[in-house]
N, C-alpha and C. Protein backbone atom coordinates (compact mmCIF):
# COMPACT_ATOMS: atom_id res chain seq x y z
N UNK A 1 0.82 -1.19 0.00
CA UNK A 1 0.00 0.00 0.00
C UNK A 1 0.87 1.26 0.00
N UNK A 2 1.93 1.23 0.79
CA UNK A 2 2.81 2.40 0.85
C UNK A 2 3.45 2.69 -0.51
N UNK A 3 3.80 1.61 -1.23
CA UNK A 3 4.38 1.78 -2.56
C UNK A 3 3.37 2.46 -3.49
N UNK A 4 2.16 1.98 -3.46
CA UNK A 4 1.13 2.53 -4.34
C UNK A 4 0.84 3.99 -4.04
N UNK A 5 0.71 4.33 -2.76
CA UNK A 5 0.43 5.72 -2.37
C UNK A 5 1.58 6.62 -2.78
N UNK A 6 2.81 6.17 -2.55
CA UNK A 6 3.97 6.98 -2.91
C UNK A 6 4.06 7.16 -4.42
N UNK A 7 3.84 6.08 -5.16
CA UNK A 7 3.90 6.18 -6.62
C UNK A 7 2.83 7.13 -7.15
N UNK A 8 1.62 7.03 -6.62
CA UNK A 8 0.54 7.93 -7.05
C UNK A 8 0.89 9.37 -6.71
N UNK A 9 1.41 9.60 -5.52
CA UNK A 9 1.81 10.96 -5.14
C UNK A 9 2.89 11.52 -6.04
N UNK A 10 3.87 10.69 -6.36
CA UNK A 10 4.94 11.13 -7.27
C UNK A 10 4.40 11.46 -8.65
N UNK A 11 3.54 10.61 -9.16
CA UNK A 11 2.98 10.84 -10.50
C UNK A 11 2.16 12.12 -10.52
N UNK A 12 1.34 12.34 -9.51
CA UNK A 12 0.50 13.54 -9.45
C UNK A 12 1.34 14.80 -9.33
N UNK A 13 2.32 14.78 -8.41
CA UNK A 13 3.16 15.96 -8.22
C UNK A 13 4.02 16.24 -9.44
N UNK A 14 4.53 15.19 -10.08
CA UNK A 14 5.35 15.39 -11.28
C UNK A 14 4.53 15.98 -12.41
N UNK A 15 3.30 15.50 -12.59
CA UNK A 15 2.44 16.05 -13.63
C UNK A 15 2.14 17.51 -13.35
N UNK A 16 1.90 17.85 -12.10
CA UNK A 16 1.64 19.24 -11.73
C UNK A 16 2.88 20.10 -11.92
N UNK A 17 4.06 19.55 -11.59
CA UNK A 17 5.29 20.30 -11.76
C UNK A 17 5.54 20.63 -13.21
N UNK A 18 5.21 19.73 -14.10
CA UNK A 18 5.39 19.98 -15.53
C UNK A 18 4.42 21.06 -15.99
N UNK A 19 3.18 21.01 -15.53
CA UNK A 19 2.18 21.99 -15.94
C UNK A 19 2.47 23.37 -15.38
N UNK A 20 2.89 23.43 -14.11
CA UNK A 20 3.10 24.71 -13.45
C UNK A 20 4.51 25.22 -13.67
N UNK A 21 5.47 24.35 -13.64
CA UNK A 21 6.84 24.75 -13.91
C UNK A 21 7.61 25.22 -12.70
N UNK A 22 7.33 24.70 -11.52
CA UNK A 22 8.03 25.12 -10.32
C UNK A 22 9.21 24.22 -9.99
N UNK A 23 10.34 24.84 -9.66
CA UNK A 23 11.51 24.05 -9.28
C UNK A 23 11.33 23.45 -7.90
N UNK A 24 10.62 24.12 -7.02
CA UNK A 24 10.37 23.59 -5.69
C UNK A 24 9.61 22.29 -5.72
N UNK A 25 8.69 22.16 -6.66
CA UNK A 25 7.93 20.93 -6.78
C UNK A 25 8.83 19.77 -7.18
N UNK A 26 9.81 20.04 -8.02
CA UNK A 26 10.72 18.99 -8.44
C UNK A 26 11.56 18.49 -7.26
N UNK A 27 11.98 19.41 -6.39
CA UNK A 27 12.72 19.00 -5.21
C UNK A 27 11.84 18.18 -4.28
N UNK A 28 10.61 18.62 -4.12
CA UNK A 28 9.67 17.91 -3.26
C UNK A 28 9.39 16.51 -3.81
N UNK A 29 9.20 16.44 -5.11
CA UNK A 29 8.97 15.15 -5.76
C UNK A 29 10.19 14.25 -5.59
N UNK A 30 11.37 14.83 -5.66
CA UNK A 30 12.58 14.06 -5.44
C UNK A 30 12.67 13.50 -4.04
N UNK A 31 12.19 14.24 -3.03
CA UNK A 31 12.16 13.74 -1.66
C UNK A 31 11.26 12.54 -1.51
N UNK A 32 10.08 12.61 -2.09
CA UNK A 32 9.19 11.45 -2.06
C UNK A 32 9.78 10.30 -2.88
N UNK A 33 10.46 10.64 -3.96
CA UNK A 33 11.09 9.61 -4.79
C UNK A 33 12.19 8.89 -4.03
N UNK A 34 12.91 9.60 -3.17
CA UNK A 34 13.95 8.97 -2.36
C UNK A 34 13.37 7.90 -1.45
N UNK A 35 12.22 8.21 -0.86
CA UNK A 35 11.58 7.22 0.00
C UNK A 35 11.12 6.02 -0.81
N UNK A 36 10.59 6.25 -2.02
CA UNK A 36 10.17 5.14 -2.86
C UNK A 36 11.36 4.27 -3.27
N UNK A 37 12.47 4.90 -3.56
CA UNK A 37 13.68 4.14 -3.92
C UNK A 37 14.16 3.32 -2.73
N UNK A 38 14.11 3.90 -1.54
CA UNK A 38 14.49 3.17 -0.33
C UNK A 38 13.61 1.93 -0.17
N UNK A 39 12.30 2.11 -0.33
CA UNK A 39 11.39 0.98 -0.20
C UNK A 39 11.65 -0.07 -1.27
N UNK A 40 11.92 0.38 -2.49
CA UNK A 40 12.17 -0.57 -3.58
C UNK A 40 13.45 -1.37 -3.33
N UNK A 41 14.49 -0.73 -2.82
CA UNK A 41 15.75 -1.42 -2.53
C UNK A 41 15.52 -2.46 -1.43
N UNK A 42 14.79 -2.09 -0.41
CA UNK A 42 14.51 -3.04 0.67
C UNK A 42 13.72 -4.24 0.14
N UNK A 43 12.79 -3.98 -0.77
CA UNK A 43 12.00 -5.06 -1.33
C UNK A 43 12.85 -5.93 -2.27
N UNK A 44 13.72 -5.30 -3.05
CA UNK A 44 14.57 -6.01 -4.00
C UNK A 44 15.55 -6.94 -3.29
N UNK A 45 16.02 -6.50 -2.14
CA UNK A 45 16.98 -7.34 -1.40
C UNK A 45 16.28 -8.49 -0.68
N UNK A 46 14.99 -8.65 -0.95
CA UNK A 46 14.18 -9.77 -0.47
C UNK A 46 14.14 -9.84 1.06
N UNK A 47 14.00 -8.71 1.67
CA UNK A 47 13.80 -8.70 3.11
C UNK A 47 12.38 -9.17 3.39
N UNK A 48 12.14 -9.62 4.57
CA UNK A 48 10.80 -10.11 4.91
C UNK A 48 9.78 -8.98 4.80
N UNK A 49 10.17 -7.80 5.20
CA UNK A 49 9.29 -6.63 5.09
C UNK A 49 10.12 -5.49 4.51
N UNK A 50 9.48 -4.57 3.86
CA UNK A 50 10.24 -3.45 3.32
C UNK A 50 10.69 -2.46 4.38
N UNK A 51 10.23 -2.65 5.61
CA UNK A 51 10.58 -1.74 6.69
C UNK A 51 11.61 -2.38 7.61
N UNK A 52 12.46 -1.60 8.22
CA UNK A 52 13.41 -2.16 9.19
C UNK A 52 12.70 -2.54 10.49
N UNK A 53 13.47 -2.96 11.47
CA UNK A 53 12.91 -3.41 12.75
C UNK A 53 12.05 -2.34 13.40
N UNK A 54 12.42 -1.13 13.32
CA UNK A 54 11.68 -0.04 13.95
C UNK A 54 10.63 0.52 13.01
N UNK A 55 9.89 -0.38 12.38
CA UNK A 55 8.94 -0.02 11.34
C UNK A 55 7.80 0.87 11.82
N UNK A 56 7.40 0.75 13.05
CA UNK A 56 6.27 1.56 13.50
C UNK A 56 6.61 3.05 13.45
N UNK A 57 7.85 3.40 13.79
CA UNK A 57 8.25 4.82 13.74
C UNK A 57 8.26 5.31 12.30
N UNK A 58 8.77 4.51 11.39
CA UNK A 58 8.82 4.89 9.97
C UNK A 58 7.40 5.02 9.42
N UNK A 59 6.54 4.06 9.75
CA UNK A 59 5.16 4.13 9.25
C UNK A 59 4.45 5.37 9.77
N UNK A 60 4.64 5.70 11.03
CA UNK A 60 4.02 6.91 11.57
C UNK A 60 4.58 8.15 10.89
N UNK A 61 5.87 8.20 10.69
CA UNK A 61 6.48 9.34 10.01
C UNK A 61 5.96 9.46 8.58
N UNK A 62 5.84 8.33 7.91
CA UNK A 62 5.32 8.32 6.55
C UNK A 62 3.87 8.80 6.52
N UNK A 63 3.05 8.33 7.45
CA UNK A 63 1.65 8.75 7.52
C UNK A 63 1.53 10.24 7.83
N UNK A 64 2.37 10.74 8.72
CA UNK A 64 2.34 12.17 9.05
C UNK A 64 2.74 13.00 7.84
N UNK A 65 3.78 12.58 7.11
CA UNK A 65 4.22 13.32 5.91
C UNK A 65 3.12 13.33 4.85
N UNK A 66 2.48 12.21 4.63
CA UNK A 66 1.39 12.17 3.65
C UNK A 66 0.23 13.04 4.08
N UNK A 67 -0.09 13.02 5.37
CA UNK A 67 -1.18 13.86 5.88
C UNK A 67 -0.87 15.33 5.73
N UNK A 68 0.34 15.72 6.06
CA UNK A 68 0.73 17.14 5.91
C UNK A 68 0.70 17.56 4.45
N UNK A 69 1.11 16.67 3.57
CA UNK A 69 1.06 16.97 2.14
C UNK A 69 -0.37 17.16 1.68
N UNK A 70 -1.25 16.28 2.11
CA UNK A 70 -2.66 16.39 1.70
C UNK A 70 -3.29 17.68 2.22
N UNK A 71 -2.89 18.11 3.40
CA UNK A 71 -3.46 19.35 3.96
C UNK A 71 -2.88 20.58 3.28
N UNK A 72 -1.57 20.59 3.06
CA UNK A 72 -0.91 21.79 2.55
C UNK A 72 -0.91 21.92 1.04
N UNK A 73 -1.18 20.84 0.31
CA UNK A 73 -1.01 20.89 -1.13
C UNK A 73 -1.87 21.92 -1.85
N UNK A 74 -3.17 22.07 -1.56
CA UNK A 74 -3.96 23.04 -2.33
C UNK A 74 -3.44 24.48 -2.22
N UNK A 75 -3.08 24.91 -1.02
CA UNK A 75 -2.58 26.29 -0.88
C UNK A 75 -1.18 26.41 -1.47
N UNK A 76 -0.35 25.38 -1.32
CA UNK A 76 0.99 25.41 -1.89
C UNK A 76 0.93 25.47 -3.41
N UNK A 77 0.00 24.76 -3.97
CA UNK A 77 -0.16 24.74 -5.42
C UNK A 77 -0.52 26.12 -5.95
N UNK A 78 -1.41 26.82 -5.24
CA UNK A 78 -1.78 28.18 -5.66
C UNK A 78 -0.59 29.12 -5.61
N UNK A 79 0.27 28.96 -4.61
CA UNK A 79 1.45 29.80 -4.51
C UNK A 79 2.38 29.56 -5.70
N UNK A 80 2.56 28.31 -6.07
CA UNK A 80 3.44 27.98 -7.20
C UNK A 80 2.86 28.53 -8.50
N UNK A 81 1.55 28.43 -8.69
CA UNK A 81 0.91 28.95 -9.90
C UNK A 81 1.07 30.46 -9.97
N UNK A 82 0.81 31.15 -8.87
CA UNK A 82 0.94 32.61 -8.85
C UNK A 82 2.39 33.04 -9.06
N UNK A 83 3.32 32.25 -8.55
CA UNK A 83 4.73 32.56 -8.74
C UNK A 83 5.13 32.46 -10.21
N UNK A 84 4.68 31.42 -10.89
CA UNK A 84 4.99 31.26 -12.31
C UNK A 84 4.34 32.37 -13.13
N UNK A 85 3.10 32.75 -12.79
CA UNK A 85 2.42 33.83 -13.51
C UNK A 85 3.12 35.16 -13.27
N UNK A 86 3.56 35.40 -12.04
CA UNK A 86 4.28 36.63 -11.74
C UNK A 86 5.61 36.71 -12.45
N UNK A 87 6.30 35.58 -12.58
CA UNK A 87 7.58 35.57 -13.30
C UNK A 87 7.38 35.92 -14.77
N UNK A 88 6.31 35.42 -15.37
CA UNK A 88 6.03 35.74 -16.78
C UNK A 88 5.69 37.22 -16.93
N UNK A 89 4.90 37.75 -16.01
CA UNK A 89 4.56 39.18 -16.06
C UNK A 89 5.81 40.03 -15.88
N UNK A 90 6.72 39.60 -15.01
CA UNK A 90 7.97 40.34 -14.80
C UNK A 90 8.84 40.32 -16.06
N UNK A 91 8.90 39.18 -16.74
CA UNK A 91 9.66 39.11 -17.99
C UNK A 91 9.09 40.05 -19.04
N UNK A 92 7.75 40.15 -19.08
CA UNK A 92 7.10 41.06 -20.02
C UNK A 92 7.48 42.51 -19.73
N UNK A 93 7.48 42.88 -18.46
CA UNK A 93 7.84 44.25 -18.07
C UNK A 93 9.29 44.55 -18.44
N UNK A 94 10.18 43.59 -18.23
CA UNK A 94 11.59 43.80 -18.58
C UNK A 94 11.76 43.96 -20.09
N UNK A 95 11.07 43.15 -20.87
CA UNK A 95 11.16 43.26 -22.33
C UNK A 95 10.62 44.60 -22.80
N UNK A 96 9.52 45.06 -22.21
CA UNK A 96 8.97 46.36 -22.58
C UNK A 96 9.95 47.48 -22.24
N UNK A 97 10.63 47.36 -21.12
CA UNK A 97 11.63 48.36 -20.76
C UNK A 97 12.79 48.39 -21.75
N UNK A 98 13.25 47.22 -22.18
CA UNK A 98 14.33 47.16 -23.17
C UNK A 98 13.88 47.76 -24.49
N UNK A 99 12.63 47.50 -24.88
CA UNK A 99 12.10 48.07 -26.12
C UNK A 99 12.00 49.59 -26.01
N UNK A 100 11.53 50.09 -24.88
CA UNK A 100 11.42 51.54 -24.69
C UNK A 100 12.78 52.22 -24.73
N UNK A 101 13.79 51.57 -24.13
CA UNK A 101 15.15 52.12 -24.19
C UNK A 101 15.67 52.17 -25.62
N UNK A 102 15.40 51.13 -26.40
CA UNK A 102 15.83 51.09 -27.79
C UNK A 102 15.15 52.20 -28.60
N UNK A 103 13.86 52.34 -28.43
CA UNK A 103 13.11 53.36 -29.19
C UNK A 103 13.59 54.75 -28.80
N UNK A 104 13.88 54.97 -27.53
CA UNK A 104 14.35 56.27 -27.09
C UNK A 104 15.74 56.57 -27.65
N UNK A 105 16.59 55.56 -27.72
CA UNK A 105 17.95 55.76 -28.21
C UNK A 105 18.00 55.98 -29.72
N UNK A 106 17.26 55.16 -30.49
CA UNK A 106 17.33 55.21 -31.94
C UNK A 106 16.19 55.98 -32.60
N UNK A 107 15.23 56.41 -31.83
CA UNK A 107 14.08 57.18 -32.32
C UNK A 107 13.27 56.44 -33.38
N UNK A 108 13.31 55.12 -33.34
CA UNK A 108 12.53 54.30 -34.28
C UNK A 108 12.34 52.92 -33.68
N UNK A 109 11.25 52.31 -34.07
CA UNK A 109 10.96 50.95 -33.61
C UNK A 109 11.67 49.95 -34.52
N UNK A 110 12.26 48.90 -33.95
CA UNK A 110 12.91 47.89 -34.80
C UNK A 110 11.87 47.05 -35.54
N UNK A 111 12.27 46.52 -36.69
CA UNK A 111 11.35 45.69 -37.48
C UNK A 111 11.01 44.39 -36.78
N UNK A 112 12.00 43.83 -36.08
CA UNK A 112 11.72 42.68 -35.22
C UNK A 112 12.33 42.97 -33.85
N UNK A 113 12.14 42.08 -32.92
CA UNK A 113 12.49 42.36 -31.53
C UNK A 113 13.95 42.10 -31.20
N UNK A 114 14.69 41.41 -32.05
CA UNK A 114 16.05 41.00 -31.71
C UNK A 114 17.03 42.15 -31.44
N UNK A 115 16.97 43.28 -32.13
CA UNK A 115 17.91 44.36 -31.76
C UNK A 115 17.61 44.96 -30.39
N UNK A 116 16.35 45.04 -30.03
CA UNK A 116 15.98 45.67 -28.76
C UNK A 116 16.12 44.70 -27.59
N UNK A 117 15.75 43.45 -27.81
CA UNK A 117 15.81 42.43 -26.76
C UNK A 117 16.67 41.28 -27.30
N UNK A 118 17.98 41.31 -27.04
CA UNK A 118 18.86 40.30 -27.62
C UNK A 118 18.57 38.88 -27.13
N UNK A 119 18.17 38.72 -25.88
CA UNK A 119 17.86 37.40 -25.34
C UNK A 119 16.39 37.35 -24.98
N UNK A 120 15.62 36.66 -25.77
CA UNK A 120 14.18 36.54 -25.53
C UNK A 120 13.97 35.55 -24.38
N UNK A 121 13.27 35.95 -23.30
CA UNK A 121 13.04 35.03 -22.20
C UNK A 121 11.98 33.98 -22.54
N UNK A 122 12.00 32.90 -21.81
CA UNK A 122 11.03 31.83 -22.02
C UNK A 122 9.68 32.25 -21.44
N UNK A 123 8.63 32.01 -22.18
CA UNK A 123 7.29 32.32 -21.71
C UNK A 123 6.66 31.06 -21.12
N UNK A 124 6.16 31.19 -19.90
CA UNK A 124 5.51 30.07 -19.19
C UNK A 124 4.14 30.56 -18.75
N UNK A 125 3.11 29.98 -19.31
CA UNK A 125 1.74 30.30 -18.92
C UNK A 125 1.20 29.10 -18.15
N UNK A 126 1.15 29.18 -16.81
CA UNK A 126 0.80 28.01 -16.01
C UNK A 126 -0.63 27.54 -16.23
N UNK A 127 -0.79 26.22 -16.22
CA UNK A 127 -2.09 25.54 -16.32
C UNK A 127 -2.82 25.81 -17.62
N UNK A 128 -2.09 26.13 -18.67
CA UNK A 128 -2.70 26.37 -19.98
C UNK A 128 -2.12 25.39 -20.99
N UNK A 129 -2.83 25.16 -22.08
CA UNK A 129 -2.35 24.17 -23.06
C UNK A 129 -1.17 24.67 -23.90
N UNK A 130 -0.71 25.88 -23.68
CA UNK A 130 0.41 26.41 -24.48
C UNK A 130 1.73 25.83 -23.99
N UNK A 131 2.61 25.55 -24.93
CA UNK A 131 3.93 25.05 -24.58
C UNK A 131 4.86 26.21 -24.28
N UNK A 132 5.91 25.90 -23.54
CA UNK A 132 6.92 26.91 -23.24
C UNK A 132 7.69 27.21 -24.52
N UNK A 133 8.18 28.42 -24.60
CA UNK A 133 8.97 28.75 -25.78
C UNK A 133 9.52 30.16 -25.70
N UNK A 134 10.35 30.48 -26.68
CA UNK A 134 10.97 31.81 -26.77
C UNK A 134 10.61 32.49 -28.08
N UNK A 135 9.58 31.99 -28.75
CA UNK A 135 9.20 32.53 -30.04
C UNK A 135 8.48 33.86 -29.88
N UNK A 136 8.70 34.72 -30.87
CA UNK A 136 8.02 36.02 -30.91
C UNK A 136 7.27 36.10 -32.23
N UNK A 137 6.00 36.40 -32.15
CA UNK A 137 5.19 36.61 -33.35
C UNK A 137 5.16 38.10 -33.61
N UNK A 138 5.53 38.52 -34.81
CA UNK A 138 5.59 39.93 -35.17
C UNK A 138 4.36 40.28 -35.99
N UNK A 139 3.75 41.39 -35.66
CA UNK A 139 2.55 41.84 -36.36
C UNK A 139 2.59 43.36 -36.48
N UNK A 140 1.81 43.89 -37.42
CA UNK A 140 1.75 45.34 -37.58
C UNK A 140 0.55 45.94 -36.85
N UNK A 141 -0.34 45.08 -36.37
CA UNK A 141 -1.48 45.55 -35.58
C UNK A 141 -1.79 44.51 -34.52
N UNK A 142 -2.56 44.88 -33.54
CA UNK A 142 -2.86 43.97 -32.43
C UNK A 142 -3.89 42.95 -32.87
N UNK A 143 -3.43 41.75 -33.10
CA UNK A 143 -4.32 40.64 -33.45
C UNK A 143 -3.97 39.44 -32.58
N UNK A 144 -4.69 39.29 -31.51
CA UNK A 144 -4.45 38.21 -30.57
C UNK A 144 -5.01 36.92 -31.16
N UNK A 145 -4.12 35.91 -31.34
CA UNK A 145 -4.52 34.65 -31.95
C UNK A 145 -4.42 33.47 -31.01
N UNK A 146 -4.12 33.71 -29.75
CA UNK A 146 -4.02 32.66 -28.73
C UNK A 146 -2.96 31.62 -29.08
N UNK A 147 -1.78 32.09 -29.44
CA UNK A 147 -0.68 31.18 -29.76
C UNK A 147 0.16 30.83 -28.53
N UNK A 148 0.03 31.61 -27.48
CA UNK A 148 0.82 31.36 -26.28
C UNK A 148 2.26 31.83 -26.40
N UNK A 149 2.54 32.70 -27.35
CA UNK A 149 3.89 33.22 -27.55
C UNK A 149 3.91 34.71 -27.23
N UNK A 150 5.09 35.31 -27.31
CA UNK A 150 5.19 36.76 -27.21
C UNK A 150 4.66 37.35 -28.50
N UNK A 151 4.02 38.50 -28.43
CA UNK A 151 3.52 39.19 -29.62
C UNK A 151 4.14 40.58 -29.65
N UNK A 152 4.88 40.86 -30.72
CA UNK A 152 5.49 42.18 -30.90
C UNK A 152 4.69 42.91 -31.97
N UNK A 153 4.03 43.99 -31.55
CA UNK A 153 3.25 44.80 -32.48
C UNK A 153 4.16 45.92 -32.96
N UNK A 154 4.58 45.79 -34.22
CA UNK A 154 5.50 46.74 -34.83
C UNK A 154 4.68 47.89 -35.40
N UNK A 155 4.63 48.95 -34.67
CA UNK A 155 3.94 50.16 -35.12
C UNK A 155 4.91 51.30 -34.90
N UNK A 156 5.12 52.11 -35.90
CA UNK A 156 6.12 53.17 -35.80
C UNK A 156 5.78 54.19 -34.73
N UNK A 157 4.50 54.36 -34.43
CA UNK A 157 4.13 55.37 -33.43
C UNK A 157 4.20 54.82 -32.00
N UNK A 158 3.81 53.57 -31.80
CA UNK A 158 3.81 53.01 -30.45
C UNK A 158 4.02 51.51 -30.49
N UNK A 159 5.27 51.03 -30.60
CA UNK A 159 5.50 49.59 -30.59
C UNK A 159 5.22 49.03 -29.19
N UNK A 160 4.71 47.82 -29.15
CA UNK A 160 4.38 47.22 -27.85
C UNK A 160 4.60 45.71 -27.90
N UNK A 161 4.89 45.14 -26.74
CA UNK A 161 5.04 43.69 -26.60
C UNK A 161 3.89 43.20 -25.74
N UNK A 162 3.23 42.15 -26.22
CA UNK A 162 2.09 41.57 -25.51
C UNK A 162 2.30 40.07 -25.37
N UNK A 163 1.42 39.45 -24.59
CA UNK A 163 1.35 37.99 -24.51
C UNK A 163 0.18 37.57 -25.38
N UNK A 164 0.45 36.74 -26.36
CA UNK A 164 -0.57 36.32 -27.33
C UNK A 164 -1.39 35.16 -26.76
N UNK A 165 -2.30 35.49 -25.84
CA UNK A 165 -3.11 34.46 -25.18
C UNK A 165 -4.44 35.08 -24.76
N UNK A 166 -5.53 34.38 -25.04
CA UNK A 166 -6.86 34.87 -24.68
C UNK A 166 -7.43 34.19 -23.44
N UNK A 167 -6.64 33.30 -22.81
CA UNK A 167 -7.11 32.63 -21.60
C UNK A 167 -7.04 33.59 -20.40
N UNK A 168 -7.86 33.29 -19.40
CA UNK A 168 -7.86 34.12 -18.19
C UNK A 168 -6.77 33.67 -17.23
N UNK A 169 -6.21 34.67 -16.54
CA UNK A 169 -5.27 34.38 -15.46
C UNK A 169 -6.08 34.07 -14.21
N UNK A 170 -5.40 33.84 -13.11
CA UNK A 170 -6.10 33.50 -11.87
C UNK A 170 -6.89 34.68 -11.32
N UNK A 171 -6.62 35.89 -11.77
CA UNK A 171 -7.32 37.07 -11.27
C UNK A 171 -8.54 37.44 -12.11
N UNK A 172 -8.79 36.73 -13.20
CA UNK A 172 -9.94 37.00 -14.03
C UNK A 172 -9.62 37.84 -15.26
N UNK A 173 -8.41 38.37 -15.36
CA UNK A 173 -8.01 39.15 -16.54
C UNK A 173 -7.36 38.22 -17.55
N UNK A 174 -7.45 38.56 -18.82
CA UNK A 174 -6.81 37.75 -19.85
C UNK A 174 -5.32 38.10 -19.91
N UNK A 175 -4.53 37.15 -20.38
CA UNK A 175 -3.08 37.35 -20.44
C UNK A 175 -2.71 38.48 -21.40
N UNK A 176 -3.45 38.64 -22.48
CA UNK A 176 -3.09 39.68 -23.45
C UNK A 176 -3.34 41.09 -22.91
N UNK A 177 -4.07 41.21 -21.80
CA UNK A 177 -4.36 42.53 -21.24
C UNK A 177 -3.24 43.04 -20.32
N UNK A 178 -2.21 42.24 -20.11
CA UNK A 178 -1.09 42.69 -19.27
C UNK A 178 -0.35 43.83 -19.90
């Protein structure tokens, strides 16, 4: 039973870590994975039980850890989601600042984003079907197509960088409205 619960927990947390993109979740998953590996080694060595002589203490510790995880997981998950969303919003603000500096220095908007922003950051939209990437879609007018990429609107009067996504964030606003 302990093997099954641990494996299910690892699979669930790993799937969530991939969707949300948090490094903390990977470390947490690795901690549970260490316990599963310990149990598997004990079982592989054909011991009578997968637990050592002091098994009651280990079982209680395992039960307490699983209980704490079940209690804390929903709020922890929200923190990780908000952190990933905040990081994406911060990257957008930094890119806009670099674009504004370029336009102020050269008095013209670049045709594409590479002169103004030499290193395009990775865009991560948590809990959405969009894949991570560094692609920039260039357009001459604002046409949101829900591609999940950066959108550079090349307009000589007011160039702007947007997130090309029509899904709602956790606050009820759409990503393209940032």
